[in-house]
PDB file of N, CA and C in Angstrom:
ATOM      1  N   UNK A   1     -35.140  51.813  -3.196  1.00  0.00           N
ATOM      2  CA  UNK A   1     -34.949  50.687  -4.088  1.00  0.00           C
ATOM      3  C   UNK A   1     -33.535  50.152  -3.875  1.00  0.00           C
ATOM      4  N   UNK A   2     -33.388  48.862  -4.030  1.00  0.00           N
ATOM      5  CA  UNK A   2     -32.097  48.203  -3.844  1.00  0.00           C
ATOM      6  C   UNK A   2     -31.760  47.411  -5.100  1.00  0.00           C
ATOM      7  N   UNK A   3     -30.472  47.405  -5.436  1.00  0.00           N
ATOM      8  CA  UNK A   3     -30.031  46.816  -6.695  1.00  0.00           C
ATOM      9  C   UNK A   3     -28.914  45.806  -6.433  1.00  0.00           C
ATOM     10  N   UNK A   4     -29.003  44.687  -7.101  1.00  0.00           N
ATOM     11  CA  UNK A   4     -27.911  43.712  -7.128  1.00  0.00           C
ATOM     12  C   UNK A   4     -27.361  43.722  -8.547  1.00  0.00           C
ATOM     13  N   UNK A   5     -26.076  44.063  -8.680  1.00  0.00           N
ATOM     14  CA  UNK A   5     -25.424  44.140  -9.990  1.00  0.00           C
ATOM     15  C   UNK A   5     -24.520  42.923 -10.156  1.00  0.00           C
ATOM     16  N   UNK A   6     -24.768  42.166 -11.217  1.00  0.00           N
ATOM     17  CA  UNK A   6     -23.997  40.948 -11.474  1.00  0.00           C
ATOM     18  C   UNK A   6     -23.403  41.049 -12.874  1.00  0.00           C
ATOM     19  N   UNK A   7     -22.075  40.905 -12.947  1.00  0.00           N
ATOM     20  CA  UNK A   7     -21.367  40.935 -14.239  1.00  0.00           C
ATOM     21  C   UNK A   7     -21.036  39.508 -14.660  1.00  0.00           C
ATOM     22  N   UNK A   8     -21.438  39.178 -15.867  1.00  0.00           N
ATOM     23  CA  UNK A   8     -21.089  37.896 -16.457  1.00  0.00           C
ATOM     24  C   UNK A   8     -20.190  38.149 -17.660  1.00  0.00           C
ATOM     25  N   UNK A   9     -19.251  37.243 -17.887  1.00  0.00           N
ATOM     26  CA  UNK A   9     -18.450  37.279 -19.107  1.00  0.00           C
ATOM     27  C   UNK A   9     -18.798  36.011 -19.877  1.00  0.00           C
ATOM     28  N   UNK A  10     -19.309  36.226 -21.088  1.00  0.00           N
ATOM     29  CA  UNK A  10     -19.758  35.080 -21.889  1.00  0.00           C
ATOM     30  C   UNK A  10     -18.574  34.335 -22.489  1.00  0.00           C
ATOM     31  N   UNK A  11     -18.819  33.092 -22.807  1.00  0.00           N
ATOM     32  CA  UNK A  11     -17.836  32.334 -23.571  1.00  0.00           C
ATOM     33  C   UNK A  11     -17.796  32.921 -24.974  1.00  0.00           C
ATOM     34  N   UNK A  12     -16.648  32.839 -25.653  1.00  0.00           N
ATOM     35  CA  UNK A  12     -16.582  33.335 -27.026  1.00  0.00           C
ATOM     36  C   UNK A  12     -17.646  32.646 -27.896  1.00  0.00           C
ATOM     37  N   UNK A  13     -18.327  33.444 -28.700  1.00  0.00           N
ATOM     38  CA  UNK A  13     -19.356  32.924 -29.590  1.00  0.00           C
ATOM     39  C   UNK A  13     -20.691  32.664 -28.917  1.00  0.00           C
ATOM     40  N   UNK A  14     -20.815  32.943 -27.628  1.00  0.00           N
ATOM     41  CA  UNK A  14     -22.048  32.684 -26.880  1.00  0.00           C
ATOM     42  C   UNK A  14     -22.719  33.963 -26.394  1.00  0.00           C
ATOM     43  N   UNK A  15     -22.293  35.117 -26.890  1.00  0.00           N
ATOM     44  CA  UNK A  15     -22.789  36.410 -26.407  1.00  0.00           C
ATOM     45  C   UNK A  15     -24.302  36.515 -26.583  1.00  0.00           C
ATOM     46  N   UNK A  16     -24.777  36.306 -27.781  1.00  0.00           N
ATOM     47  CA  UNK A  16     -26.215  36.426 -28.057  1.00  0.00           C
ATOM     48  C   UNK A  16     -27.013  35.410 -27.241  1.00  0.00           C
ATOM     49  N   UNK A  17     -26.514  34.193 -27.157  1.00  0.00           N
ATOM     50  CA  UNK A  17     -27.191  33.164 -26.375  1.00  0.00           C
ATOM     51  C   UNK A  17     -27.292  33.531 -24.909  1.00  0.00           C
ATOM     52  N   UNK A  18     -26.228  34.117 -24.343  1.00  0.00           N
ATOM     53  CA  UNK A  18     -26.250  34.528 -22.945  1.00  0.00           C
ATOM     54  C   UNK A  18     -27.261  35.642 -22.721  1.00  0.00           C
ATOM     55  N   UNK A  19     -27.223  36.655 -23.576  1.00  0.00           N
ATOM     56  CA  UNK A  19     -28.183  37.761 -23.429  1.00  0.00           C
ATOM     57  C   UNK A  19     -29.619  37.257 -23.514  1.00  0.00           C
ATOM     58  N   UNK A  20     -29.901  36.425 -24.488  1.00  0.00           N
ATOM     59  CA  UNK A  20     -31.261  35.914 -24.661  1.00  0.00           C
ATOM     60  C   UNK A  20     -31.695  35.041 -23.489  1.00  0.00           C
ATOM     61  N   UNK A  21     -30.812  34.197 -23.005  1.00  0.00           N
ATOM     62  CA  UNK A  21     -31.138  33.333 -21.881  1.00  0.00           C
ATOM     63  C   UNK A  21     -31.443  34.156 -20.633  1.00  0.00           C
ATOM     64  N   UNK A  22     -30.640  35.177 -20.376  1.00  0.00           N
ATOM     65  CA  UNK A  22     -30.890  36.024 -19.214  1.00  0.00           C
ATOM     66  C   UNK A  22     -32.210  36.761 -19.374  1.00  0.00           C
ATOM     67  N   UNK A  23     -32.428  37.362 -20.548  1.00  0.00           N
ATOM     68  CA  UNK A  23     -33.645  38.157 -20.785  1.00  0.00           C
ATOM     69  C   UNK A  23     -34.913  37.318 -20.712  1.00  0.00           C
ATOM     70  N   UNK A  24     -34.817  36.061 -21.036  1.00  0.00           N
ATOM     71  CA  UNK A  24     -36.011  35.219 -21.070  1.00  0.00           C
ATOM     72  C   UNK A  24     -36.078  34.296 -19.852  1.00  0.00           C
ATOM     73  N   UNK A  25     -35.247  33.303 -19.808  1.00  0.00           N
ATOM     74  CA  UNK A  25     -35.351  32.258 -18.790  1.00  0.00           C
ATOM     75  C   UNK A  25     -34.964  32.738 -17.391  1.00  0.00           C
ATOM     76  N   UNK A  26     -33.856  33.461 -17.264  1.00  0.00           N
ATOM     77  CA  UNK A  26     -33.424  33.898 -15.934  1.00  0.00           C
ATOM     78  C   UNK A  26     -34.411  34.909 -15.353  1.00  0.00           C
ATOM     79  N   UNK A  27     -34.897  35.834 -16.179  1.00  0.00           N
ATOM     80  CA  UNK A  27     -35.871  36.803 -15.666  1.00  0.00           C
ATOM     81  C   UNK A  27     -37.176  36.120 -15.259  1.00  0.00           C
ATOM     82  N   UNK A  28     -37.584  35.084 -15.962  1.00  0.00           N
ATOM     83  CA  UNK A  28     -38.761  34.311 -15.545  1.00  0.00           C
ATOM     84  C   UNK A  28     -38.521  33.691 -14.177  1.00  0.00           C
ATOM     85  N   UNK A  29     -37.334  33.169 -13.951  1.00  0.00           N
ATOM     86  CA  UNK A  29     -36.961  32.594 -12.664  1.00  0.00           C
ATOM     87  C   UNK A  29     -37.006  33.665 -11.570  1.00  0.00           C
ATOM     88  N   UNK A  30     -36.437  34.838 -11.857  1.00  0.00           N
ATOM     89  CA  UNK A  30     -36.383  35.909 -10.865  1.00  0.00           C
ATOM     90  C   UNK A  30     -37.769  36.441 -10.504  1.00  0.00           C
ATOM     91  N   UNK A  31     -38.689  36.430 -11.444  1.00  0.00           N
ATOM     92  CA  UNK A  31     -40.042  36.916 -11.170  1.00  0.00           C
ATOM     93  C   UNK A  31     -40.743  36.098 -10.087  1.00  0.00           C
ATOM     94  N   UNK A  32     -40.263  34.917  -9.837  1.00  0.00           N
ATOM     95  CA  UNK A  32     -40.836  34.060  -8.802  1.00  0.00           C
ATOM     96  C   UNK A  32     -40.212  34.304  -7.427  1.00  0.00           C
ATOM     97  N   UNK A  33     -39.153  35.117  -7.370  1.00  0.00           N
ATOM     98  CA  UNK A  33     -38.442  35.373  -6.117  1.00  0.00           C
ATOM     99  C   UNK A  33     -39.125  36.472  -5.316  1.00  0.00           C
ATOM    100  N   UNK A  34     -39.185  36.283  -4.008  1.00  0.00           N
ATOM    101  CA  UNK A  34     -39.774  37.263  -3.096  1.00  0.00           C
ATOM    102  C   UNK A  34     -39.000  38.583  -3.157  1.00  0.00           C
ATOM    103  N   UNK A  35     -39.717  39.678  -3.387  1.00  0.00           N
ATOM    104  CA  UNK A  35     -39.108  41.008  -3.373  1.00  0.00           C
ATOM    105  C   UNK A  35     -38.566  41.495  -4.697  1.00  0.00           C
ATOM    106  N   UNK A  36     -38.522  40.630  -5.711  1.00  0.00           N
ATOM    107  CA  UNK A  36     -37.996  41.038  -7.019  1.00  0.00           C
ATOM    108  C   UNK A  36     -38.915  42.078  -7.648  1.00  0.00           C
ATOM    109  N   UNK A  37     -38.310  43.178  -8.138  1.00  0.00           N
ATOM    110  CA  UNK A  37     -39.103  44.277  -8.695  1.00  0.00           C
ATOM    111  C   UNK A  37     -38.823  44.567 -10.160  1.00  0.00           C
ATOM    112  N   UNK A  38     -37.858  43.901 -10.762  1.00  0.00           N
ATOM    113  CA  UNK A  38     -37.540  44.141 -12.164  1.00  0.00           C
ATOM    114  C   UNK A  38     -36.053  44.023 -12.416  1.00  0.00           C
ATOM    115  N   UNK A  39     -35.662  44.222 -13.671  1.00  0.00           N
ATOM    116  CA  UNK A  39     -34.251  44.065 -14.029  1.00  0.00           C
ATOM    117  C   UNK A  39     -33.918  44.826 -15.298  1.00  0.00           C
ATOM    118  N   UNK A  40     -32.636  45.111 -15.443  1.00  0.00           N
ATOM    119  CA  UNK A  40     -32.060  45.622 -16.681  1.00  0.00           C
ATOM    120  C   UNK A  40     -30.949  44.665 -17.084  1.00  0.00           C
ATOM    121  N   UNK A  41     -30.887  44.329 -18.347  1.00  0.00           N
ATOM    122  CA  UNK A  41     -29.813  43.496 -18.870  1.00  0.00           C
ATOM    123  C   UNK A  41     -29.061  44.355 -19.872  1.00  0.00           C
ATOM    124  N   UNK A  42     -27.779  44.602 -19.582  1.00  0.00           N
ATOM    125  CA  UNK A  42     -26.998  45.508 -20.414  1.00  0.00           C
ATOM    126  C   UNK A  42     -25.782  44.795 -20.999  1.00  0.00           C
ATOM    127  N   UNK A  43     -25.540  45.049 -22.279  1.00  0.00           N
ATOM    128  CA  UNK A  43     -24.380  44.501 -22.972  1.00  0.00           C
ATOM    129  C   UNK A  43     -23.429  45.648 -23.286  1.00  0.00           C
ATOM    130  N   UNK A  44     -22.174  45.457 -22.985  1.00  0.00           N
ATOM    131  CA  UNK A  44     -21.166  46.503 -23.184  1.00  0.00           C
ATOM    132  C   UNK A  44     -20.858  46.693 -24.662  1.00  0.00           C
ATOM    133  N   UNK A  45     -20.779  47.955 -25.088  1.00  0.00           N
ATOM    134  CA  UNK A  45     -20.342  48.248 -26.461  1.00  0.00           C
ATOM    135  C   UNK A  45     -18.847  47.982 -26.608  1.00  0.00           C
ATOM    136  N   UNK A  46     -18.108  48.319 -25.588  1.00  0.00           N
ATOM    137  CA  UNK A  46     -16.649  48.230 -25.636  1.00  0.00           C
ATOM    138  C   UNK A  46     -16.149  46.797 -25.448  1.00  0.00           C
ATOM    139  N   UNK A  47     -16.802  46.046 -24.559  1.00  0.00           N
ATOM    140  CA  UNK A  47     -16.423  44.667 -24.284  1.00  0.00           C
ATOM    141  C   UNK A  47     -17.646  43.780 -24.503  1.00  0.00           C
ATOM    142  N   UNK A  48     -17.900  43.353 -25.725  1.00  0.00           N
ATOM    143  CA  UNK A  48     -19.149  42.661 -26.063  1.00  0.00           C
ATOM    144  C   UNK A  48     -19.442  41.418 -25.233  1.00  0.00           C
ATOM    145  N   UNK A  49     -18.413  40.760 -24.695  1.00  0.00           N
ATOM    146  CA  UNK A  49     -18.648  39.554 -23.887  1.00  0.00           C
ATOM    147  C   UNK A  49     -19.131  39.883 -22.479  1.00  0.00           C
ATOM    148  N   UNK A  50     -19.073  41.153 -22.076  1.00  0.00           N
ATOM    149  CA  UNK A  50     -19.480  41.569 -20.739  1.00  0.00           C
ATOM    150  C   UNK A  50     -20.971  41.894 -20.708  1.00  0.00           C
ATOM    151  N   UNK A  51     -21.694  41.182 -19.875  1.00  0.00           N
ATOM    152  CA  UNK A  51     -23.133  41.396 -19.694  1.00  0.00           C
ATOM    153  C   UNK A  51     -23.346  41.786 -18.235  1.00  0.00           C
ATOM    154  N   UNK A  52     -23.994  42.925 -18.013  1.00  0.00           N
ATOM    155  CA  UNK A  52     -24.287  43.399 -16.665  1.00  0.00           C
ATOM    156  C   UNK A  52     -25.785  43.276 -16.430  1.00  0.00           C
ATOM    157  N   UNK A  53     -26.141  42.593 -15.348  1.00  0.00           N
ATOM    158  CA  UNK A  53     -27.542  42.401 -14.998  1.00  0.00           C
ATOM    159  C   UNK A  53     -27.799  43.166 -13.697  1.00  0.00           C
ATOM    160  N   UNK A  54     -28.685  44.140 -13.776  1.00  0.00           N
ATOM    161  CA  UNK A  54     -29.101  44.892 -12.595  1.00  0.00           C
ATOM    162  C   UNK A  54     -30.476  44.381 -12.196  1.00  0.00           C
ATOM    163  N   UNK A  55     -30.568  43.782 -11.017  1.00  0.00           N
ATOM    164  CA  UNK A  55     -31.860  43.313 -10.523  1.00  0.00           C
ATOM    165  C   UNK A  55     -32.302  44.236  -9.400  1.00  0.00           C
ATOM    166  N   UNK A  56     -33.579  44.575  -9.398  1.00  0.00           N
ATOM    167  CA  UNK A  56     -34.138  45.518  -8.437  1.00  0.00           C
ATOM    168  C   UNK A  56     -34.966  44.771  -7.402  1.00  0.00           C
ATOM    169  N   UNK A  57     -34.766  45.167  -6.130  1.00  0.00           N
ATOM    170  CA  UNK A  57     -35.393  44.484  -4.998  1.00  0.00           C
ATOM    171  C   UNK A  57     -35.999  45.508  -4.064  1.00  0.00           C
ATOM    172  N   UNK A  58     -37.056  45.114  -3.368  1.00  0.00           N
ATOM    173  CA  UNK A  58     -37.731  46.025  -2.438  1.00  0.00           C
ATOM    174  C   UNK A  58     -36.853  46.406  -1.260  1.00  0.00           C
ATOM    175  N   UNK A  59     -36.141  45.437  -0.678  1.00  0.00           N
ATOM    176  CA  UNK A  59     -35.382  45.715   0.539  1.00  0.00           C
ATOM    177  C   UNK A  59     -33.899  45.405   0.356  1.00  0.00           C
ATOM    178  N   UNK A  60     -33.108  45.994   1.239  1.00  0.00           N
ATOM    179  CA  UNK A  60     -31.672  45.723   1.230  1.00  0.00           C
ATOM    180  C   UNK A  60     -31.401  44.243   1.505  1.00  0.00           C
ATOM    181  N   UNK A  61     -32.139  43.673   2.446  1.00  0.00           N
ATOM    182  CA  UNK A  61     -31.963  42.264   2.790  1.00  0.00           C
ATOM    183  C   UNK A  61     -32.208  41.359   1.584  1.00  0.00           C
ATOM    184  N   UNK A  62     -33.226  41.677   0.787  1.00  0.00           N
ATOM    185  CA  UNK A  62     -33.516  40.874  -0.404  1.00  0.00           C
ATOM    186  C   UNK A  62     -32.407  41.026  -1.442  1.00  0.00           C
ATOM    187  N   UNK A  63     -31.877  42.230  -1.601  1.00  0.00           N
ATOM    188  CA  UNK A  63     -30.816  42.458  -2.587  1.00  0.00           C
ATOM    189  C   UNK A  63     -29.505  41.804  -2.178  1.00  0.00           C
ATOM    190  N   UNK A  64     -29.157  41.907  -0.902  1.00  0.00           N
ATOM    191  CA  UNK A  64     -27.877  41.355  -0.446  1.00  0.00           C
ATOM    192  C   UNK A  64     -27.947  39.859  -0.172  1.00  0.00           C
ATOM    193  N   UNK A  65     -29.119  39.375   0.214  1.00  0.00           N
ATOM    194  CA  UNK A  65     -29.238  37.974   0.592  1.00  0.00           C
ATOM    195  C   UNK A  65     -29.667  37.036  -0.507  1.00  0.00           C
ATOM    196  N   UNK A  66     -30.146  37.584  -1.613  1.00  0.00           N
ATOM    197  CA  UNK A  66     -30.640  36.748  -2.693  1.00  0.00           C
ATOM    198  C   UNK A  66     -29.528  36.521  -3.718  1.00  0.00           C
ATOM    199  N   UNK A  67     -28.775  35.487  -3.543  1.00  0.00           N
ATOM    200  CA  UNK A  67     -27.647  35.176  -4.425  1.00  0.00           C
ATOM    201  C   UNK A  67     -28.142  34.362  -5.620  1.00  0.00           C
ATOM    202  N   UNK A  68     -29.045  34.972  -6.377  1.00  0.00           N
ATOM    203  CA  UNK A  68     -29.699  34.267  -7.476  1.00  0.00           C
ATOM    204  C   UNK A  68     -28.710  33.755  -8.505  1.00  0.00           C
ATOM    205  N   UNK A  69     -27.599  34.477  -8.694  1.00  0.00           N
ATOM    206  CA  UNK A  69     -26.623  34.079  -9.712  1.00  0.00           C
ATOM    207  C   UNK A  69     -25.947  32.750  -9.384  1.00  0.00           C
ATOM    208  N   UNK A  70     -26.002  32.317  -8.106  1.00  0.00           N
ATOM    209  CA  UNK A  70     -25.413  31.048  -7.687  1.00  0.00           C
ATOM    210  C   UNK A  70     -26.440  29.933  -7.530  1.00  0.00           C
ATOM    211  N   UNK A  71     -27.700  30.232  -7.763  1.00  0.00           N
ATOM    212  CA  UNK A  71     -28.748  29.225  -7.619  1.00  0.00           C
ATOM    213  C   UNK A  71     -28.518  28.099  -8.625  1.00  0.00           C
ATOM    214  N   UNK A  72     -28.711  26.847  -8.204  1.00  0.00           N
ATOM    215  CA  UNK A  72     -28.507  25.720  -9.124  1.00  0.00           C
ATOM    216  C   UNK A  72     -29.296  25.852 -10.430  1.00  0.00           C
ATOM    217  N   UNK A  73     -30.534  26.362 -10.354  1.00  0.00           N
ATOM    218  CA  UNK A  73     -31.340  26.513 -11.575  1.00  0.00           C
ATOM    219  C   UNK A  73     -30.694  27.506 -12.537  1.00  0.00           C
ATOM    220  N   UNK A  74     -30.171  28.604 -12.007  1.00  0.00           N
ATOM    221  CA  UNK A  74     -29.521  29.622 -12.856  1.00  0.00           C
ATOM    222  C   UNK A  74     -28.196  29.083 -13.392  1.00  0.00           C
ATOM    223  N   UNK A  75     -27.451  28.392 -12.547  1.00  0.00           N
ATOM    224  CA  UNK A  75     -26.190  27.805 -13.003  1.00  0.00           C
ATOM    225  C   UNK A  75     -26.422  26.807 -14.141  1.00  0.00           C
ATOM    226  N   UNK A  76     -27.509  26.058 -14.042  1.00  0.00           N
ATOM    227  CA  UNK A  76     -27.844  25.102 -15.104  1.00  0.00           C
ATOM    228  C   UNK A  76     -28.181  25.834 -16.407  1.00  0.00           C
ATOM    229  N   UNK A  77     -28.919  26.958 -16.288  1.00  0.00           N
ATOM    230  CA  UNK A  77     -29.288  27.739 -17.472  1.00  0.00           C
ATOM    231  C   UNK A  77     -28.070  28.385 -18.133  1.00  0.00           C
ATOM    232  N   UNK A  78     -27.157  28.917 -17.316  1.00  0.00           N
ATOM    233  CA  UNK A  78     -26.067  29.747 -17.835  1.00  0.00           C
ATOM    234  C   UNK A  78     -24.722  29.040 -17.952  1.00  0.00           C
ATOM    235  N   UNK A  79     -24.588  27.895 -17.331  1.00  0.00           N
ATOM    236  CA  UNK A  79     -23.287  27.224 -17.256  1.00  0.00           C
ATOM    237  C   UNK A  79     -22.556  27.066 -18.578  1.00  0.00           C
ATOM    238  N   UNK A  80     -23.267  26.708 -19.630  1.00  0.00           N
ATOM    239  CA  UNK A  80     -22.625  26.499 -20.939  1.00  0.00           C
ATOM    240  C   UNK A  80     -22.374  27.807 -21.683  1.00  0.00           C
ATOM    241  N   UNK A  81     -22.881  28.926 -21.138  1.00  0.00           N
ATOM    242  CA  UNK A  81     -22.787  30.213 -21.845  1.00  0.00           C
ATOM    243  C   UNK A  81     -21.790  31.188 -21.237  1.00  0.00           C
ATOM    244  N   UNK A  82     -21.396  30.958 -19.976  1.00  0.00           N
ATOM    245  CA  UNK A  82     -20.512  31.934 -19.321  1.00  0.00           C
ATOM    246  C   UNK A  82     -19.133  31.351 -19.031  1.00  0.00           C
ATOM    247  N   UNK A  83     -18.130  32.234 -19.131  1.00  0.00           N
ATOM    248  CA  UNK A  83     -16.790  31.889 -18.670  1.00  0.00           C
ATOM    249  C   UNK A  83     -16.712  32.085 -17.162  1.00  0.00           C
ATOM    250  N   UNK A  84     -17.312  33.192 -16.694  1.00  0.00           N
ATOM    251  CA  UNK A  84     -17.202  33.518 -15.277  1.00  0.00           C
ATOM    252  C   UNK A  84     -18.267  34.538 -14.879  1.00  0.00           C
ATOM    253  N   UNK A  85     -18.650  34.481 -13.621  1.00  0.00           N
ATOM    254  CA  UNK A  85     -19.427  35.551 -13.013  1.00  0.00           C
ATOM    255  C   UNK A  85     -18.370  36.442 -12.373  1.00  0.00           C
ATOM    256  N   UNK A  86     -18.083  37.576 -13.010  1.00  0.00           N
ATOM    257  CA  UNK A  86     -16.913  38.374 -12.679  1.00  0.00           C
ATOM    258  C   UNK A  86     -17.044  39.212 -11.415  1.00  0.00           C
ATOM    259  N   UNK A  87     -18.220  39.750 -11.162  1.00  0.00           N
ATOM    260  CA  UNK A  87     -18.347  40.686 -10.055  1.00  0.00           C
ATOM    261  C   UNK A  87     -19.798  40.759  -9.611  1.00  0.00           C
ATOM    262  N   UNK A  88     -19.987  40.887  -8.293  1.00  0.00           N
ATOM    263  CA  UNK A  88     -21.325  41.061  -7.731  1.00  0.00           C
ATOM    264  C   UNK A  88     -21.243  42.198  -6.715  1.00  0.00           C
ATOM    265  N   UNK A  89     -22.149  43.169  -6.847  1.00  0.00           N
ATOM    266  CA  UNK A  89     -22.220  44.301  -5.921  1.00  0.00           C
ATOM    267  C   UNK A  89     -23.688  44.567  -5.621  1.00  0.00           C
ATOM    268  N   UNK A  90     -23.954  45.143  -4.458  1.00  0.00           N
ATOM    269  CA  UNK A  90     -25.306  45.595  -4.160  1.00  0.00           C
ATOM    270  C   UNK A  90     -25.268  47.084  -3.857  1.00  0.00           C
ATOM    271  N   UNK A  91     -26.373  47.750  -4.174  1.00  0.00           N
ATOM    272  CA  UNK A  91     -26.454  49.203  -4.042  1.00  0.00           C
ATOM    273  C   UNK A  91     -27.816  49.618  -3.518  1.00  0.00           C
ATOM    274  N   UNK A  92     -27.825  50.762  -2.858  1.00  0.00           N
ATOM    275  CA  UNK A  92     -29.081  51.449  -2.604  1.00  0.00           C
ATOM    276  C   UNK A  92     -29.226  52.422  -3.755  1.00  0.00           C
ATOM    277  N   UNK A  93     -30.364  52.432  -4.395  1.00  0.00           N
ATOM    278  CA  UNK A  93     -30.561  53.276  -5.575  1.00  0.00           C
ATOM    279  C   UNK A  93     -31.652  54.300  -5.317  1.00  0.00           C
ATOM    280  N   UNK A  94     -31.382  55.524  -5.706  1.00  0.00           N
ATOM    281  CA  UNK A  94     -32.385  56.580  -5.648  1.00  0.00           C
ATOM    282  C   UNK A  94     -32.854  56.836  -7.069  1.00  0.00           C
ATOM    283  N   UNK A  95     -34.122  56.647  -7.298  1.00  0.00           N
ATOM    284  CA  UNK A  95     -34.686  56.861  -8.625  1.00  0.00           C
ATOM    285  C   UNK A  95     -35.395  58.208  -8.598  1.00  0.00           C
ATOM    286  N   UNK A  96     -34.906  59.153  -9.401  1.00  0.00           N
ATOM    287  CA  UNK A  96     -35.515  60.486  -9.370  1.00  0.00           C
ATOM    288  C   UNK A  96     -36.930  60.467  -9.935  1.00  0.00           C
ATOM    289  N   UNK A  97     -37.737  61.320  -9.381  1.00  0.00           N
ATOM    290  CA  UNK A  97     -39.085  61.484  -9.913  1.00  0.00           C
ATOM    291  C   UNK A  97     -38.994  62.444 -11.092  1.00  0.00           C
ATOM    292  N   UNK A  98     -39.430  62.008 -12.236  1.00  0.00           N
ATOM    293  CA  UNK A  98     -39.340  62.821 -13.438  1.00  0.00           C
ATOM    294  C   UNK A  98     -40.507  63.796 -13.514  1.00  0.00           C
ATOM    295  N   UNK A  99     -40.235  65.027 -13.929  1.00  0.00           N
ATOM    296  CA  UNK A  99     -41.341  65.977 -14.073  1.00  0.00           C
ATOM    297  C   UNK A  99     -42.288  65.518 -15.177  1.00  0.00           C
ATOM    298  N   UNK A 100     -43.571  65.749 -14.969  1.00  0.00           N
ATOM    299  CA  UNK A 100     -44.571  65.294 -15.935  1.00  0.00           C
ATOM    300  C   UNK A 100     -44.560  66.097 -17.224  1.00  0.00           C
ATOM    301  N   UNK A 101     -44.277  67.382 -17.155  1.00  0.00           N
ATOM    302  CA  UNK A 101     -44.364  68.243 -18.336  1.00  0.00           C
ATOM    303  C   UNK A 101     -42.989  68.734 -18.792  1.00  0.00           C
ATOM    304  N   UNK A 102     -41.941  67.957 -18.562  1.00  0.00           N
ATOM    305  CA  UNK A 102     -40.613  68.369 -19.004  1.00  0.00           C
ATOM    306  C   UNK A 102     -39.889  69.150 -17.923  1.00  0.00           C
ATOM    307  N   UNK A 103     -38.847  69.850 -18.290  1.00  0.00           N
ATOM    308  CA  UNK A 103     -38.012  70.604 -17.356  1.00  0.00           C
ATOM    309  C   UNK A 103     -38.654  71.929 -17.012  1.00  0.00           C
ATOM    310  N   UNK A 104     -38.727  72.222 -15.716  1.00  0.00           N
ATOM    311  CA  UNK A 104     -39.267  73.496 -15.276  1.00  0.00           C
ATOM    312  C   UNK A 104     -38.154  74.533 -15.220  1.00  0.00           C
ATOM    313  N   UNK A 105     -38.483  75.760 -15.541  1.00  0.00           N
ATOM    314  CA  UNK A 105     -37.481  76.824 -15.553  1.00  0.00           C
ATOM    315  C   UNK A 105     -37.104  77.304 -14.161  1.00  0.00           C
ATOM    316  N   UNK A 106     -37.968  77.099 -13.156  1.00  0.00           N
ATOM    317  CA  UNK A 106     -37.680  77.584 -11.820  1.00  0.00           C
ATOM    318  C   UNK A 106     -36.840  76.631 -10.985  1.00  0.00           C
ATOM    319  N   UNK A 107     -36.396  75.505 -11.567  1.00  0.00           N
ATOM    320  CA  UNK A 107     -35.557  74.573 -10.846  1.00  0.00           C
ATOM    321  C   UNK A 107     -34.103  75.023 -10.985  1.00  0.00           C
ATOM    322  N   UNK A 108     -33.392  75.212  -9.843  1.00  0.00           N
ATOM    323  CA  UNK A 108     -32.002  75.674  -9.924  1.00  0.00           C
ATOM    324  C   UNK A 108     -31.116  74.624 -10.582  1.00  0.00           C
ATOM    325  N   UNK A 109     -30.131  75.070 -11.331  1.00  0.00           N
ATOM    326  CA  UNK A 109     -29.190  74.202 -12.010  1.00  0.00           C
ATOM    327  C   UNK A 109     -27.891  74.204 -11.206  1.00  0.00           C
ATOM    328  N   UNK A 110     -27.321  73.037 -11.026  1.00  0.00           N
ATOM    329  CA  UNK A 110     -26.067  72.925 -10.253  1.00  0.00           C
ATOM    330  C   UNK A 110     -24.895  73.468 -11.041  1.00  0.00           C
TER     331      UNK A 110
END
């Protein structure tokens, strides 16, 4: 799995509007993109204006090449709500397979 992490800083007083717009309109836009597999939208407890959007993609090429945060449609949706797109990073992500019946006792602990 591949992840594109985008940090937005909302304008003062626009925090809720930014979160809602990303969760609704931007995610609808992303669902139409080739290779998009899902997203997490996270709001910082410590810095409430900081919103981190993790988008999941099938391939590295889709994660690194899909600059969705700069798309004119997304800029139109978010332009009045953000001060800046602060940081963009891409990652290869390993998602652990969770045991079906909880933690097994025979698994070694690090």
